[in-house]
N, C-alpha and C. Protein backbone atom coordinates (compact mmCIF):
# COMPACT_ATOMS: atom_id res chain seq x y z
N MET A 1 163.48 87.64 148.14
CA MET A 1 162.18 88.51 148.19
C MET A 1 161.57 87.32 148.90
N SER A 2 160.91 88.05 150.14
CA SER A 2 160.31 86.89 150.97
C SER A 2 158.93 87.43 151.42
N THR A 3 158.11 86.23 151.45
CA THR A 3 156.52 86.47 151.42
C THR A 3 156.35 85.99 152.92
N SER A 4 155.30 86.59 153.44
CA SER A 4 154.77 86.32 154.96
C SER A 4 153.37 85.71 154.57
N THR A 5 153.16 85.06 155.46
CA THR A 5 151.48 84.75 155.46
C THR A 5 150.92 84.66 156.91
N THR A 6 149.84 84.99 157.01
CA THR A 6 149.16 85.28 158.35
C THR A 6 148.10 84.10 158.42
N ALA A 7 148.35 83.48 159.66
CA ALA A 7 147.55 82.42 159.90
C ALA A 7 146.13 82.92 160.24
N VAL A 8 145.43 81.97 159.74
CA VAL A 8 144.25 82.18 159.70
C VAL A 8 143.33 81.28 160.68
N ARG A 9 142.75 82.20 161.84
CA ARG A 9 142.21 81.28 163.07
C ARG A 9 140.88 80.68 162.66
N PRO A 10 140.94 79.33 162.56
CA PRO A 10 139.33 78.70 162.34
C PRO A 10 138.31 79.53 163.21
N ARG A 11 137.37 79.37 162.22
CA ARG A 11 136.00 80.13 162.89
C ARG A 11 135.53 79.10 163.92
N ARG A 12 135.23 79.86 165.05
CA ARG A 12 134.65 79.16 166.21
C ARG A 12 133.19 78.69 165.55
N THR A 13 132.73 77.52 166.26
CA THR A 13 131.70 77.08 166.00
C THR A 13 130.38 77.61 166.85
N GLN A 14 129.04 77.61 166.41
CA GLN A 14 128.06 78.03 167.50
C GLN A 14 128.21 77.54 168.39
N ALA A 15 128.65 76.17 168.69
CA ALA A 15 128.49 75.47 169.98
C ALA A 15 129.47 76.54 170.99
N GLU A 16 130.81 76.68 170.45
CA GLU A 16 131.92 77.14 171.23
C GLU A 16 131.34 78.94 171.45
N ARG A 17 130.97 79.22 170.75
CA ARG A 17 130.36 80.55 170.81
C ARG A 17 129.35 80.60 172.10
N ARG A 18 128.33 79.94 171.87
CA ARG A 18 127.41 79.59 172.87
C ARG A 18 127.87 79.23 174.43
N ALA A 19 129.12 78.49 174.31
CA ALA A 19 129.45 77.95 175.56
C ALA A 19 130.20 79.24 176.26
N GLU A 20 131.07 79.93 175.44
CA GLU A 20 131.58 81.13 175.84
C GLU A 20 130.99 82.23 176.39
N SER A 21 129.63 82.66 175.93
CA SER A 21 128.81 83.55 176.16
C SER A 21 128.19 83.15 177.38
N GLU A 22 127.76 81.84 177.66
CA GLU A 22 127.18 81.25 179.05
C GLU A 22 128.22 81.50 180.32
N ARG A 23 129.47 81.26 179.84
CA ARG A 23 130.63 81.11 180.87
C ARG A 23 130.58 82.88 181.15
N ARG A 24 130.57 83.69 180.41
CA ARG A 24 130.99 85.18 180.73
C ARG A 24 129.47 85.31 181.47
N LEU A 25 128.60 85.33 181.15
CA LEU A 25 127.11 85.59 181.87
C LEU A 25 127.50 84.98 183.27
N LEU A 26 127.71 83.64 183.21
CA LEU A 26 127.72 83.03 185.00
C LEU A 26 128.84 83.74 185.34
N ASP A 27 130.09 83.99 184.98
CA ASP A 27 131.33 84.64 185.51
C ASP A 27 130.46 86.10 186.20
N ALA A 28 129.89 86.97 185.44
CA ALA A 28 129.57 87.96 185.96
C ALA A 28 128.16 87.92 186.77
N ALA A 29 127.44 86.96 186.49
CA ALA A 29 126.25 86.88 187.62
C ALA A 29 126.78 86.55 189.06
N ALA A 30 127.80 85.47 188.97
CA ALA A 30 128.51 85.05 190.60
C ALA A 30 128.68 86.24 190.99
N ALA A 31 130.11 87.64 190.12
CA ALA A 31 130.22 88.26 190.78
C ALA A 31 129.27 89.40 191.54
N LEU A 32 128.42 89.58 190.67
CA LEU A 32 127.50 90.69 191.10
C LEU A 32 126.52 90.14 192.49
N VAL A 33 126.45 88.94 192.21
CA VAL A 33 125.44 88.26 193.12
C VAL A 33 126.12 88.32 194.77
N VAL A 34 127.61 87.89 194.64
CA VAL A 34 128.25 87.98 196.10
C VAL A 34 128.79 89.25 196.50
N GLU A 35 128.57 90.25 195.49
CA GLU A 35 128.79 91.69 195.93
C GLU A 35 127.63 92.69 196.10
N ARG A 36 126.51 92.12 195.66
CA ARG A 36 125.04 92.66 195.78
C ARG A 36 124.00 92.09 196.44
N GLY A 37 124.00 90.93 196.08
CA GLY A 37 122.61 90.26 196.58
C GLY A 37 122.29 89.71 195.74
N ILE A 38 121.22 88.94 195.39
CA ILE A 38 120.19 88.36 194.58
C ILE A 38 119.37 89.51 194.02
N GLU A 39 118.73 90.09 194.63
CA GLU A 39 117.84 91.11 195.02
C GLU A 39 118.32 92.50 194.26
N GLY A 40 119.80 92.93 194.68
CA GLY A 40 120.13 94.03 194.29
C GLY A 40 121.02 93.64 192.60
N THR A 41 120.78 92.38 192.32
CA THR A 41 121.49 92.17 191.07
C THR A 41 120.47 92.11 189.91
N SER A 42 120.56 92.66 188.73
CA SER A 42 119.17 92.58 187.70
C SER A 42 120.04 91.76 186.31
N LEU A 43 119.24 91.51 185.62
CA LEU A 43 119.75 90.69 184.57
C LEU A 43 120.47 91.39 183.28
N ALA A 44 119.74 92.62 183.36
CA ALA A 44 120.23 93.94 182.73
C ALA A 44 121.82 94.07 182.82
N GLU A 45 121.82 94.40 184.24
CA GLU A 45 123.22 94.40 184.87
C GLU A 45 124.39 93.34 184.57
N ILE A 46 123.73 92.12 184.69
CA ILE A 46 124.67 91.00 184.31
C ILE A 46 125.11 90.82 182.77
N GLY A 47 124.12 91.25 181.95
CA GLY A 47 124.66 91.41 180.35
C GLY A 47 125.33 92.36 180.42
N ARG A 48 125.37 93.27 180.82
CA ARG A 48 126.09 94.57 180.68
C ARG A 48 127.85 94.21 180.88
N VAL A 49 127.65 93.66 182.60
CA VAL A 49 129.03 93.45 182.63
C VAL A 49 130.04 92.16 181.85
N ALA A 50 128.83 91.34 181.49
CA ALA A 50 129.44 90.04 180.51
C ALA A 50 129.81 90.70 179.20
N GLY A 51 129.30 91.90 178.81
CA GLY A 51 129.36 92.54 177.51
C GLY A 51 128.42 91.90 176.44
N TYR A 52 127.18 91.70 176.91
CA TYR A 52 126.42 91.09 176.26
C TYR A 52 125.11 91.79 176.41
N SER A 53 123.75 91.81 175.57
CA SER A 53 122.43 92.31 175.52
C SER A 53 121.87 91.81 176.96
N HIS A 54 120.85 92.77 177.51
CA HIS A 54 119.73 92.02 178.42
C HIS A 54 118.99 90.98 177.80
N GLY A 55 118.78 90.79 176.65
CA GLY A 55 117.86 89.96 175.95
C GLY A 55 118.57 88.96 175.72
N LEU A 56 119.93 88.60 175.87
CA LEU A 56 120.97 87.47 175.58
C LEU A 56 120.60 86.80 177.13
N VAL A 57 120.98 87.34 178.01
CA VAL A 57 120.46 86.79 179.34
C VAL A 57 119.38 86.21 179.70
N HIS A 58 118.17 86.84 179.01
CA HIS A 58 116.68 86.02 178.94
C HIS A 58 116.70 84.75 178.31
N HIS A 59 117.48 84.93 176.94
CA HIS A 59 117.45 83.75 176.13
C HIS A 59 118.19 82.73 176.91
N ARG A 60 119.37 82.85 177.43
CA ARG A 60 120.53 81.64 177.84
C ARG A 60 119.73 81.08 179.20
N PHE A 61 118.76 81.80 179.96
CA PHE A 61 118.43 81.66 181.19
C PHE A 61 116.78 81.57 181.57
N GLY A 62 116.15 82.88 180.89
CA GLY A 62 114.92 82.86 181.18
C GLY A 62 114.58 83.42 182.14
N SER A 63 114.95 83.38 183.09
CA SER A 63 114.57 84.43 184.49
C SER A 63 115.87 84.53 185.33
N LYS A 64 115.57 85.36 186.35
CA LYS A 64 116.49 85.60 187.48
C LYS A 64 116.80 84.06 188.29
N GLU A 65 115.36 83.55 188.63
CA GLU A 65 115.45 82.54 189.34
C GLU A 65 116.26 81.28 188.64
N ALA A 66 116.04 81.13 187.53
CA ALA A 66 116.75 79.92 186.69
C ALA A 66 118.02 80.36 186.80
N LEU A 67 118.70 81.36 186.78
CA LEU A 67 119.75 81.70 186.83
C LEU A 67 120.48 81.56 188.01
N VAL A 68 119.81 81.66 189.10
CA VAL A 68 120.27 81.36 190.31
C VAL A 68 120.43 80.00 190.79
N GLU A 69 119.72 79.50 190.26
CA GLU A 69 119.33 77.77 190.30
C GLU A 69 120.86 77.26 189.52
N ARG A 70 120.96 78.20 188.12
CA ARG A 70 122.42 77.52 187.51
C ARG A 70 123.44 77.74 188.14
N LEU A 71 123.66 79.06 188.91
CA LEU A 71 124.76 79.63 189.46
C LEU A 71 124.99 78.28 190.90
N ASN A 72 124.01 78.14 191.22
CA ASN A 72 123.80 76.96 192.50
C ASN A 72 124.33 75.85 192.17
N THR A 73 123.95 74.87 190.98
CA THR A 73 124.64 74.07 190.33
C THR A 73 126.08 73.85 189.81
N GLU A 74 126.34 75.11 189.71
CA GLU A 74 127.89 75.41 188.85
C GLU A 74 128.74 75.36 190.48
N ALA A 75 128.32 75.97 191.71
CA ALA A 75 129.12 75.98 192.51
C ALA A 75 128.93 74.49 192.96
N VAL A 76 128.25 73.93 193.22
CA VAL A 76 128.03 72.21 193.64
C VAL A 76 129.15 71.58 192.56
N ARG A 77 129.39 71.90 191.57
CA ARG A 77 129.91 71.14 190.42
C ARG A 77 131.59 71.42 190.75
N LEU A 78 131.67 72.79 191.20
CA LEU A 78 132.58 72.99 191.48
C LEU A 78 133.57 72.39 192.90
N PHE A 79 132.56 72.35 193.83
CA PHE A 79 133.01 71.92 195.04
C PHE A 79 133.26 70.49 194.79
N THR A 80 132.17 69.84 194.48
CA THR A 80 132.52 68.41 194.17
C THR A 80 133.75 67.99 193.44
N SER A 81 133.89 68.93 192.19
CA SER A 81 135.35 68.49 191.35
C SER A 81 136.61 68.44 192.35
N ARG A 82 136.74 69.57 193.14
CA ARG A 82 137.82 69.97 193.75
C ARG A 82 138.02 69.18 195.11
N THR A 83 136.56 68.54 195.88
CA THR A 83 137.09 67.53 196.79
C THR A 83 137.39 66.50 196.32
N VAL A 84 136.60 65.50 195.38
CA VAL A 84 137.40 64.55 194.85
C VAL A 84 138.71 64.60 194.47
N THR A 85 139.36 65.78 193.68
CA THR A 85 140.59 65.59 193.57
C THR A 85 141.41 65.86 194.67
N ALA A 86 140.75 66.69 195.50
CA ALA A 86 141.79 66.50 196.94
C ALA A 86 141.76 65.59 197.65
N VAL A 87 140.31 64.75 198.07
CA VAL A 87 140.41 63.63 199.22
C VAL A 87 141.43 62.63 198.41
N GLY A 88 141.20 62.18 197.09
CA GLY A 88 141.95 61.07 196.39
C GLY A 88 141.32 59.97 196.71
N SER A 89 142.49 59.16 197.21
CA SER A 89 142.25 57.84 198.08
C SER A 89 142.26 57.90 199.68
N THR A 90 142.25 58.94 200.14
CA THR A 90 142.40 59.28 201.59
C THR A 90 140.91 58.94 201.95
N ARG A 91 140.58 58.34 203.42
CA ARG A 91 139.44 57.90 203.61
C ARG A 91 139.81 58.02 205.08
N GLY A 92 138.42 57.91 205.91
CA GLY A 92 138.43 58.20 207.33
C GLY A 92 138.41 59.69 208.00
N LEU A 93 138.69 60.05 209.14
CA LEU A 93 138.44 61.43 209.27
C LEU A 93 139.29 62.38 208.59
N ALA A 94 140.45 61.66 208.12
CA ALA A 94 141.38 62.73 207.20
C ALA A 94 140.64 63.12 205.87
N ALA A 95 139.56 62.14 205.65
CA ALA A 95 139.04 62.70 204.20
C ALA A 95 138.27 63.73 204.66
N LEU A 96 137.72 63.68 205.86
CA LEU A 96 136.73 64.65 206.29
C LEU A 96 137.02 65.93 206.60
N ARG A 97 138.25 65.89 206.95
CA ARG A 97 139.28 67.13 207.16
C ARG A 97 139.30 67.94 205.92
N ILE A 98 139.85 66.95 204.99
CA ILE A 98 140.15 67.64 203.57
C ILE A 98 138.85 68.34 203.21
N VAL A 99 137.98 67.69 203.08
CA VAL A 99 136.68 68.34 202.32
C VAL A 99 136.30 69.61 203.13
N ALA A 100 136.04 69.51 204.69
CA ALA A 100 136.01 70.86 205.37
C ALA A 100 137.06 71.91 204.89
N ASP A 101 138.34 71.56 204.84
CA ASP A 101 139.34 72.62 204.19
C ASP A 101 138.79 72.88 202.92
N THR A 102 138.48 72.15 202.11
CA THR A 102 138.14 72.76 200.48
C THR A 102 137.09 73.24 200.58
N TYR A 103 136.05 73.15 201.63
CA TYR A 103 134.86 74.06 201.64
C TYR A 103 135.57 75.60 201.79
N LEU A 104 136.26 75.76 203.05
CA LEU A 104 136.78 77.06 203.19
C LEU A 104 137.71 77.60 202.55
N ASP A 105 138.46 76.74 201.93
CA ASP A 105 139.45 77.15 200.78
C ASP A 105 138.63 77.89 199.76
N LEU A 106 137.42 77.18 198.96
CA LEU A 106 136.61 77.93 198.03
C LEU A 106 136.22 79.44 198.49
N VAL A 107 135.82 79.36 199.60
CA VAL A 107 135.01 80.68 200.01
C VAL A 107 135.94 81.62 200.25
N GLN A 108 137.15 81.26 200.36
CA GLN A 108 138.38 82.25 200.57
C GLN A 108 138.88 82.77 199.12
N ALA A 109 138.55 81.68 198.11
CA ALA A 109 139.38 81.83 196.53
C ALA A 109 138.94 83.08 195.72
N PRO A 110 139.46 83.71 195.00
CA PRO A 110 139.26 84.76 194.04
C PRO A 110 137.94 84.46 193.23
N ASP A 111 137.89 83.16 193.15
CA ASP A 111 136.68 83.06 192.35
C ASP A 111 135.20 83.10 193.10
N PRO A 112 134.39 84.13 192.52
CA PRO A 112 132.92 84.36 193.69
C PRO A 112 132.19 83.20 193.38
N LEU A 113 132.30 82.25 192.44
CA LEU A 113 131.29 81.22 192.71
C LEU A 113 131.64 80.52 193.65
N GLY A 114 132.77 80.21 194.19
CA GLY A 114 132.73 79.42 195.76
C GLY A 114 132.14 80.31 196.68
N ARG A 115 131.52 81.36 196.54
CA ARG A 115 130.61 81.97 197.91
C ARG A 115 129.31 82.15 197.63
N VAL A 116 128.81 81.84 196.00
CA VAL A 116 127.39 82.14 195.89
C VAL A 116 126.41 81.45 196.79
N HIS A 117 126.84 80.18 196.92
CA HIS A 117 125.59 79.50 197.76
C HIS A 117 125.59 80.04 198.90
N LEU A 118 126.67 80.82 199.61
CA LEU A 118 126.22 81.34 200.67
C LEU A 118 125.63 82.60 200.69
N VAL A 119 125.53 83.21 199.80
CA VAL A 119 124.47 84.67 199.48
C VAL A 119 122.97 83.96 199.41
N VAL A 120 122.97 82.72 198.53
CA VAL A 120 121.76 82.42 198.13
C VAL A 120 121.29 81.69 199.62
N TRP A 121 121.83 81.30 200.45
CA TRP A 121 121.10 80.39 201.39
C TRP A 121 120.78 81.54 202.52
N THR A 122 121.72 82.41 202.86
CA THR A 122 121.21 83.59 203.52
C THR A 122 119.73 84.15 203.04
N GLU A 123 119.67 84.82 201.92
CA GLU A 123 118.59 85.36 201.42
C GLU A 123 117.35 84.63 201.43
N ALA A 124 117.76 83.33 201.29
CA ALA A 124 116.62 82.24 201.60
C ALA A 124 115.92 81.92 202.51
N VAL A 125 116.83 82.36 203.69
CA VAL A 125 116.20 82.13 205.16
C VAL A 125 115.74 83.74 205.26
N SER A 126 116.23 84.70 204.98
CA SER A 126 115.64 85.97 205.43
C SER A 126 114.56 86.34 204.83
N ARG A 127 113.93 85.56 203.49
CA ARG A 127 112.98 85.72 202.50
C ARG A 127 112.24 85.10 202.54
N ALA A 128 110.67 85.28 202.31
CA ALA A 128 109.86 83.78 202.50
C ALA A 128 109.57 83.76 200.89
N SER A 129 110.39 82.98 200.13
CA SER A 129 110.09 82.95 199.02
C SER A 129 110.48 81.62 198.24
N GLU A 130 110.48 81.38 197.07
CA GLU A 130 110.30 79.77 196.58
C GLU A 130 111.82 79.37 196.32
N ARG A 131 112.70 80.31 196.51
CA ARG A 131 114.26 79.62 197.04
C ARG A 131 114.21 79.03 198.30
N ARG A 132 113.50 79.43 199.42
CA ARG A 132 113.71 78.34 200.19
C ARG A 132 113.41 76.57 200.11
N SER A 133 112.53 76.43 199.61
CA SER A 133 112.42 75.01 199.24
C SER A 133 113.71 74.32 198.63
N SER A 134 114.36 75.08 197.63
CA SER A 134 115.32 74.48 196.90
C SER A 134 116.46 74.52 197.59
N ARG A 135 116.78 75.58 198.92
CA ARG A 135 117.81 75.58 199.58
C ARG A 135 117.58 74.25 200.84
N VAL A 136 116.40 74.31 201.20
CA VAL A 136 116.30 73.05 201.98
C VAL A 136 116.90 71.57 201.28
N THR A 137 116.36 71.33 200.26
CA THR A 137 116.55 70.28 199.51
C THR A 137 118.22 69.98 199.03
N TRP A 138 118.96 71.24 198.88
CA TRP A 138 120.23 71.40 198.65
C TRP A 138 120.97 71.21 200.21
N ASP A 139 120.52 71.63 201.10
CA ASP A 139 120.99 71.48 202.72
C ASP A 139 120.98 69.92 203.45
N ARG A 140 119.81 69.54 202.86
CA ARG A 140 119.57 68.17 203.15
C ARG A 140 120.73 67.23 202.25
N TYR A 141 120.94 66.96 201.02
CA TYR A 141 122.08 66.58 200.35
C TYR A 141 123.53 66.98 200.73
N PHE A 142 123.49 68.30 201.41
CA PHE A 142 124.93 68.48 201.53
C PHE A 142 125.16 67.29 203.07
N ARG A 143 124.17 67.87 203.93
CA ARG A 143 124.16 67.02 205.16
C ARG A 143 124.62 65.94 205.23
N SER A 144 123.99 64.85 204.12
CA SER A 144 123.80 63.45 204.04
C SER A 144 125.35 63.08 203.40
N ALA A 145 126.03 63.96 202.88
CA ALA A 145 127.13 63.63 202.20
C ALA A 145 128.14 63.97 203.63
N PHE A 146 128.11 64.82 204.32
CA PHE A 146 128.86 64.86 205.89
C PHE A 146 128.29 63.45 206.33
N ALA A 147 127.36 63.03 206.71
CA ALA A 147 126.80 62.13 207.22
C ALA A 147 127.65 61.02 206.92
N GLN A 148 127.79 60.38 205.41
CA GLN A 148 128.28 59.38 204.88
C GLN A 148 129.56 59.33 205.24
N LEU A 149 130.33 60.71 205.40
CA LEU A 149 131.76 60.68 205.32
C LEU A 149 131.98 59.96 206.86
N ILE A 150 131.26 60.74 207.65
CA ILE A 150 131.40 60.15 209.23
C ILE A 150 131.09 58.88 209.45
N ARG A 151 129.91 58.21 208.68
CA ARG A 151 130.00 57.02 208.66
C ARG A 151 131.00 55.88 208.31
N ASP A 152 131.86 56.68 207.07
CA ASP A 152 132.77 55.91 206.68
C ASP A 152 134.10 55.56 207.68
N ALA A 153 134.05 56.98 208.39
CA ALA A 153 135.20 57.30 209.46
C ALA A 153 134.83 56.35 210.54
N ALA A 154 133.79 56.01 210.68
CA ALA A 154 133.50 55.50 211.86
C ALA A 154 133.63 54.13 211.59
N ALA A 155 133.52 53.60 210.40
CA ALA A 155 133.74 52.37 209.99
C ALA A 155 135.07 51.95 209.89
N ASP A 156 136.01 52.68 210.01
CA ASP A 156 137.47 52.39 209.67
C ASP A 156 137.96 52.62 210.86
N GLY A 157 137.44 53.30 212.13
CA GLY A 157 137.99 53.15 213.42
C GLY A 157 138.57 54.85 213.59
N SER A 158 138.40 55.67 212.68
CA SER A 158 139.12 57.19 212.53
C SER A 158 138.23 57.85 213.54
N VAL A 159 136.82 57.54 213.43
CA VAL A 159 135.67 58.26 214.33
C VAL A 159 135.20 57.33 215.15
N ARG A 160 134.62 57.94 216.60
CA ARG A 160 134.20 57.17 217.61
C ARG A 160 132.83 56.74 217.27
N ASP A 161 132.57 55.26 218.00
CA ASP A 161 131.29 54.50 217.19
C ASP A 161 130.20 55.50 217.93
N ASP A 162 130.15 56.06 218.64
CA ASP A 162 128.88 56.78 219.63
C ASP A 162 128.76 58.11 219.02
N VAL A 163 128.98 58.19 217.74
CA VAL A 163 128.85 59.70 217.22
C VAL A 163 127.66 59.20 216.16
N ASP A 164 126.75 60.16 216.34
CA ASP A 164 125.26 59.88 215.65
C ASP A 164 125.72 60.79 214.61
N PRO A 165 126.05 59.98 213.14
CA PRO A 165 126.18 60.70 212.12
C PRO A 165 125.45 61.77 211.16
N ASP A 166 124.44 61.29 211.58
CA ASP A 166 123.11 62.58 211.11
C ASP A 166 123.22 63.92 211.67
N ALA A 167 123.09 63.67 213.24
CA ALA A 167 123.18 64.98 213.83
C ALA A 167 124.49 65.53 213.89
N MET A 168 125.65 64.86 213.73
CA MET A 168 127.05 65.32 213.77
C MET A 168 126.98 66.12 212.46
N ALA A 169 126.57 65.54 211.70
CA ALA A 169 126.86 66.13 210.16
C ALA A 169 125.87 67.53 209.83
N THR A 170 124.99 67.69 210.97
CA THR A 170 123.85 69.23 210.78
C THR A 170 125.23 70.13 212.07
N VAL A 171 125.92 69.62 212.83
CA VAL A 171 126.80 70.48 213.61
C VAL A 171 127.78 70.70 212.60
N VAL A 172 128.40 70.08 211.92
CA VAL A 172 129.41 70.26 210.93
C VAL A 172 129.22 71.11 209.98
N VAL A 173 128.16 70.89 209.40
CA VAL A 173 127.87 72.14 208.00
C VAL A 173 127.53 73.10 208.83
N GLY A 174 127.22 73.33 209.82
CA GLY A 174 126.63 74.50 210.84
C GLY A 174 128.05 75.26 211.12
N LEU A 175 129.21 74.57 211.63
CA LEU A 175 130.35 74.99 212.04
C LEU A 175 131.24 75.74 210.60
N LEU A 176 131.15 74.80 209.69
CA LEU A 176 131.41 75.46 208.53
C LEU A 176 130.95 76.48 207.53
N ARG A 177 129.60 76.81 207.60
CA ARG A 177 128.98 77.67 207.06
C ARG A 177 128.90 78.91 208.35
N GLY A 178 129.08 78.78 209.48
CA GLY A 178 129.02 79.86 210.05
C GLY A 178 130.41 80.57 209.96
N VAL A 179 131.58 80.02 210.10
CA VAL A 179 132.85 80.09 209.97
C VAL A 179 132.74 81.01 208.81
N ALA A 180 132.31 80.32 207.43
CA ALA A 180 132.67 80.87 206.22
C ALA A 180 131.79 82.08 205.90
N LEU A 181 130.75 82.29 206.34
CA LEU A 181 129.98 83.54 206.63
C LEU A 181 131.15 84.69 207.18
N GLN A 182 131.43 84.36 208.40
CA GLN A 182 132.39 85.32 208.91
C GLN A 182 133.67 85.42 208.12
N LEU A 183 134.29 84.73 207.29
CA LEU A 183 135.04 85.08 206.36
C LEU A 183 134.81 85.91 205.42
N MET A 184 133.66 85.60 204.80
CA MET A 184 133.06 86.88 203.78
C MET A 184 132.87 87.98 204.48
N MET A 185 132.31 88.11 205.66
CA MET A 185 131.82 89.59 206.62
C MET A 185 133.15 90.09 206.43
N ASP A 186 134.11 89.68 207.18
CA ASP A 186 135.42 90.17 207.64
C ASP A 186 136.56 89.24 207.00
N PRO A 187 136.91 89.34 205.51
CA PRO A 187 138.33 88.85 205.28
C PRO A 187 139.29 88.58 206.10
N GLU A 188 139.51 89.99 207.02
CA GLU A 188 140.72 90.01 207.73
C GLU A 188 140.96 88.59 208.65
N THR A 189 139.76 88.02 208.82
CA THR A 189 139.85 86.39 210.07
C THR A 189 140.42 85.74 209.15
N ALA A 190 140.26 85.82 207.88
CA ALA A 190 140.74 84.48 207.06
C ALA A 190 142.03 84.05 207.48
N THR A 191 142.62 83.50 208.23
CA THR A 191 144.28 83.49 208.50
C THR A 191 144.08 81.78 208.80
N THR A 192 145.57 81.45 208.29
CA THR A 192 145.67 79.93 208.63
C THR A 192 145.43 79.35 209.97
N ARG A 193 145.56 80.18 210.85
CA ARG A 193 145.30 79.78 212.39
C ARG A 193 143.64 79.69 212.63
N THR A 194 142.93 80.46 211.67
CA THR A 194 141.24 80.33 211.63
C THR A 194 140.97 78.56 210.91
N ARG A 195 141.83 78.43 210.07
CA ARG A 195 141.09 77.41 209.23
C ARG A 195 141.82 75.98 209.83
N SER A 196 143.09 76.28 210.53
CA SER A 196 143.84 75.19 211.52
C SER A 196 142.52 74.88 212.78
N ALA A 197 142.06 76.13 213.38
CA ALA A 197 141.37 75.93 214.49
C ALA A 197 140.17 75.07 214.30
N VAL A 198 139.43 75.12 212.65
CA VAL A 198 138.18 74.81 212.33
C VAL A 198 138.44 73.10 212.40
N LEU A 199 139.58 73.06 211.61
CA LEU A 199 140.30 71.04 211.16
C LEU A 199 140.47 70.90 212.58
N ASP A 200 141.12 71.37 213.83
CA ASP A 200 141.43 70.83 214.96
C ASP A 200 139.93 70.47 215.86
N HIS A 201 139.07 71.44 215.80
CA HIS A 201 137.84 71.30 216.29
C HIS A 201 137.29 70.23 215.94
N LEU A 202 136.86 70.00 214.33
CA LEU A 202 136.42 68.61 213.89
C LEU A 202 137.12 67.46 214.51
N THR A 203 138.63 67.36 214.43
CA THR A 203 139.11 66.21 215.07
C THR A 203 138.77 65.95 216.70
N ARG A 204 138.90 66.81 217.24
CA ARG A 204 138.39 67.01 218.85
C ARG A 204 136.89 66.25 218.85
N MET A 205 136.01 66.97 217.75
CA MET A 205 134.81 66.64 218.08
C MET A 205 134.51 64.83 217.86
N LEU A 206 135.04 64.39 216.83
CA LEU A 206 134.85 63.20 216.11
C LEU A 206 136.12 62.01 216.48
N ALA A 207 137.25 62.39 216.93
CA ALA A 207 138.31 61.02 216.82
C ALA A 207 137.94 60.26 217.71
N ALA A 208 138.45 59.04 217.45
CA ALA A 208 138.41 57.94 218.33
C ALA A 208 139.29 57.75 219.53
């Protein structure tokens, strides 16, 4: 005679349940914002798609603006994590090319979180809202990171020493964002040739 036992899964802690619900809400919010825009997305719809109540979204984030800011924070964290891993010990112009390629890769990836920042940016430009000041702050930070990459590359001789890092950072961000918006608008343009063209253009603009 044999006996069978059923493994009992340990009960999840409150912290684990909270982390799961927050992740599901953020995933739902990212997908809806990318599909419909910020104004076209309601907290109620985010809760429904995530499988939770409207009230839980309010409880976790307080307001749509707070949720949008959290989404942007998560997008920055994703970009930073991916670029640090991709760049590794690479330096100079090669590192700048990797960062640019990673940016475009995230825009084309299945996870909508990689495209959230573009939707937030376009809506901040088109609307006189409280979002604009936070976008300006983020843009300045983003450009400063590219400017530092250009300075580092100039220091090791892979970028021309007559390049103005701050001015060129604005050009680089403009190039990447402009291409990224086109890829979102018309995904059929997302070919390996497009990515190669962007990276080759960066090299021609900067290489020593």
